Amino acid sequence: MRPAALLLAASLLVLATAPPAAAQERTPSQRQTLADIAYVLGESHALRQSCEGAYDQHWRDRMMGVTDAEAPDAALDRRLKEAFNAGFASRRAEYPECSRASRIAEAAAARRGQALASSLAAVRHRVDPREAEARRKALEMEQMEEDLALRP
């Protein structure tokens, strides 16, 4: 698994293994973050499928894990599915085939998803905001270094 995808998967694992929080307990801001995560997972799914093949369900399975962990009400469940599908359609149209550019886009989507998942996990686990920000910046630096290594 590529490093950026590993970071996103680890962040989503934190969300999925945390005690279930009914989506009704989420603030509007947290619900938006969940929708943003769903969109990024949809993007990641399309980008990974462009390189690994249509049978690859890695990120779709992760999305199902998020919805299982969140147990959203009907409205949020619909919103999450729509966001996932929109992210998928957007990236599928932009990157129909595997390329260096699609790999870079996949790494960027993983970074966005990781940052979103970390911010949501920080709320659930009551992490000091300064500590969460320091972690986020450290991860951004690692990802920038990785991106530079991918460039010719």
Protein backbone atom coordinates (compact mmCIF):
# COMPACT_ATOMS: atom_id res chain seq x y z
CA MET A 1 0.00 0.00 0.00
CA ARG A 2 1.34 3.43 -0.88
CA PRO A 3 2.37 5.64 2.10
CA ALA A 4 -0.34 8.28 1.57
CA ALA A 5 -3.03 5.62 1.29
CA LEU A 6 -1.66 3.96 4.42
CA LEU A 7 -2.05 7.22 6.35
CA LEU A 8 -5.66 7.59 5.23
CA ALA A 9 -6.43 3.97 6.06
CA ALA A 10 -4.91 4.38 9.53
CA SER A 11 -6.96 7.50 10.18
CA LEU A 12 -10.13 5.78 9.07
CA LEU A 13 -9.28 2.85 11.31
CA VAL A 14 -9.27 5.25 14.26
CA LEU A 15 -12.76 6.40 13.27
CA ALA A 16 -14.04 2.88 12.72
CA THR A 17 -12.68 1.47 15.99
CA ALA A 18 -13.73 4.33 18.19
CA PRO A 19 -16.85 3.77 20.25
CA PRO A 20 -19.93 4.17 18.06
CA ALA A 21 -21.21 7.71 18.04
CA ALA A 22 -24.67 8.05 16.64
CA ALA A 23 -24.57 10.58 13.86
CA GLN A 24 -27.36 12.44 15.62
CA GLU A 25 -24.74 13.39 18.23
CA ARG A 26 -22.58 15.06 15.58
CA THR A 27 -22.59 18.80 15.19
CA PRO A 28 -23.39 20.25 11.75
CA SER A 29 -19.68 20.92 11.29
CA GLN A 30 -18.82 17.31 12.11
CA ARG A 31 -21.52 16.07 9.74
CA GLN A 32 -19.96 18.20 7.00
CA THR A 33 -16.56 16.69 7.80
CA LEU A 34 -18.08 13.22 7.45
CA ALA A 35 -19.51 14.21 4.05
CA ASP A 36 -16.09 15.58 3.05
CA ILE A 37 -14.48 12.29 4.10
CA ALA A 38 -17.04 10.40 2.02
CA TYR A 39 -16.21 12.59 -1.01
CA VAL A 40 -12.48 11.94 -0.59
CA LEU A 41 -13.11 8.21 -0.22
CA GLY A 42 -15.07 8.32 -3.47
CA GLU A 43 -12.18 10.12 -5.17
CA SER A 44 -9.72 7.59 -3.76
CA HIS A 45 -11.90 4.72 -4.93
CA ALA A 46 -11.97 6.01 -8.51
CA LEU A 47 -8.25 6.77 -8.59
CA ARG A 48 -7.30 3.39 -7.16
CA GLN A 49 -9.62 1.58 -9.57
CA SER A 50 -8.05 3.37 -12.52
CA CYS A 51 -4.76 1.65 -11.65
CA GLU A 52 -5.83 -1.53 -9.88
CA GLY A 53 -8.94 -2.41 -11.89
CA ALA A 54 -12.70 -2.20 -11.52
CA TYR A 55 -12.83 -5.12 -9.10
CA ASP A 56 -10.79 -3.31 -6.48
CA GLN A 57 -13.15 -2.32 -3.66
CA HIS A 58 -10.60 -1.17 -1.07
CA TRP A 59 -11.92 2.38 -0.51
CA ARG A 60 -15.56 1.44 -1.01
CA ASP A 61 -15.13 -1.10 1.79
CA ARG A 62 -13.58 1.62 3.98
CA MET A 63 -16.58 3.85 3.27
CA MET A 64 -18.89 1.08 4.38
CA GLY A 65 -16.84 0.81 7.58
CA VAL A 66 -17.31 4.53 8.24
CA THR A 67 -21.07 4.32 7.78
CA ASP A 68 -21.24 1.21 9.98
CA ALA A 69 -19.27 2.97 12.72
CA GLU A 70 -21.26 6.19 12.50
CA ALA A 71 -24.72 4.60 12.24
CA PRO A 72 -26.05 7.74 10.49
CA ASP A 73 -29.68 8.72 10.33
CA ALA A 74 -31.37 8.39 6.92
CA ALA A 75 -30.62 11.97 5.85
CA LEU A 76 -26.93 11.80 6.69
CA ASP A 77 -26.62 8.31 5.20
CA ARG A 78 -28.03 9.64 1.90
CA ARG A 79 -25.71 12.65 2.09
CA LEU A 80 -22.66 10.43 2.66
CA LYS A 81 -23.57 8.17 -0.28
CA GLU A 82 -24.13 11.16 -2.54
CA ALA A 83 -20.78 12.66 -1.51
CA PHE A 84 -18.97 9.35 -2.12
CA ASN A 85 -20.57 8.98 -5.55
CA ALA A 86 -19.81 12.60 -6.47
CA GLY A 87 -16.14 12.18 -5.52
CA PHE A 88 -15.99 8.95 -7.51
CA ALA A 89 -17.59 10.48 -10.61
CA SER A 90 -15.37 13.56 -10.46
CA ARG A 91 -12.10 11.64 -10.39
CA ARG A 92 -13.24 8.90 -12.77
CA ALA A 93 -13.98 11.58 -15.38
CA GLU A 94 -10.69 13.36 -14.77
CA TYR A 95 -8.45 10.25 -14.59
CA PRO A 96 -10.03 7.41 -16.61
CA GLU A 97 -6.67 5.63 -16.90
CA CYS A 98 -3.74 4.99 -14.60
CA SER A 99 -0.94 7.51 -14.96
CA ARG A 100 1.65 9.33 -12.94
CA ALA A 101 -0.84 12.19 -12.59
CA SER A 102 -3.52 9.84 -11.23
CA ARG A 103 -1.05 8.48 -8.66
CA ILE A 104 -0.19 12.02 -7.56
CA ALA A 105 -3.92 12.84 -7.35
CA GLU A 106 -4.45 9.70 -5.26
CA ALA A 107 -1.72 10.78 -2.84
CA ALA A 108 -3.26 14.25 -2.58
CA ALA A 109 -6.72 12.78 -1.90
CA ALA A 110 -5.23 10.53 0.77
CA ARG A 111 -3.65 13.55 2.49
CA ARG A 112 -6.96 15.43 2.46
CA GLY A 113 -8.80 12.41 3.80
CA GLN A 114 -6.19 11.84 6.47
CA ALA A 115 -6.42 15.44 7.64
CA LEU A 116 -10.23 15.28 7.73
CA ALA A 117 -10.27 11.96 9.59
CA SER A 118 -7.68 13.23 12.07
CA SER A 119 -9.70 16.35 12.79
CA LEU A 120 -12.83 14.30 13.39
CA ALA A 121 -10.95 11.76 15.52
CA ALA A 122 -9.46 14.59 17.58
CA VAL A 123 -12.97 15.75 18.43
CA ARG A 124 -14.08 12.25 19.39
CA HIS A 125 -11.03 11.59 21.53
CA ARG A 126 -10.75 15.08 22.96
CA VAL A 127 -7.21 15.61 21.74
CA ASP A 128 -5.74 18.97 22.62
CA PRO A 129 -6.20 21.14 19.49
CA ARG A 130 -2.55 22.22 19.61
CA GLU A 131 -1.45 18.58 19.61
CA ALA A 132 -3.78 17.77 16.71
CA GLU A 133 -2.46 20.77 14.76
CA ALA A 134 1.15 19.72 15.40
CA ARG A 135 0.37 16.20 14.15
CA ARG A 136 -1.39 17.61 11.08
CA LYS A 137 1.58 19.83 10.23
CA ALA A 138 4.03 16.97 10.68
CA LEU A 139 1.96 14.81 8.34
CA GLU A 140 1.75 17.62 5.80
CA MET A 141 5.53 17.93 5.81
CA GLU A 142 5.93 14.18 5.30
CA GLN A 143 3.47 14.29 2.42
CA MET A 144 5.19 17.26 0.79
CA GLU A 145 8.47 15.36 0.94
CA GLU A 146 6.78 12.31 -0.58
CA ASP A 147 5.27 14.43 -3.37
CA LEU A 148 8.66 15.91 -4.16
CA ALA A 149 10.09 12.41 -4.41
CA LEU A 150 7.34 11.49 -6.95
CA ARG A 151 8.15 14.39 -9.25
CA PRO A 152 10.68 13.89 -12.06
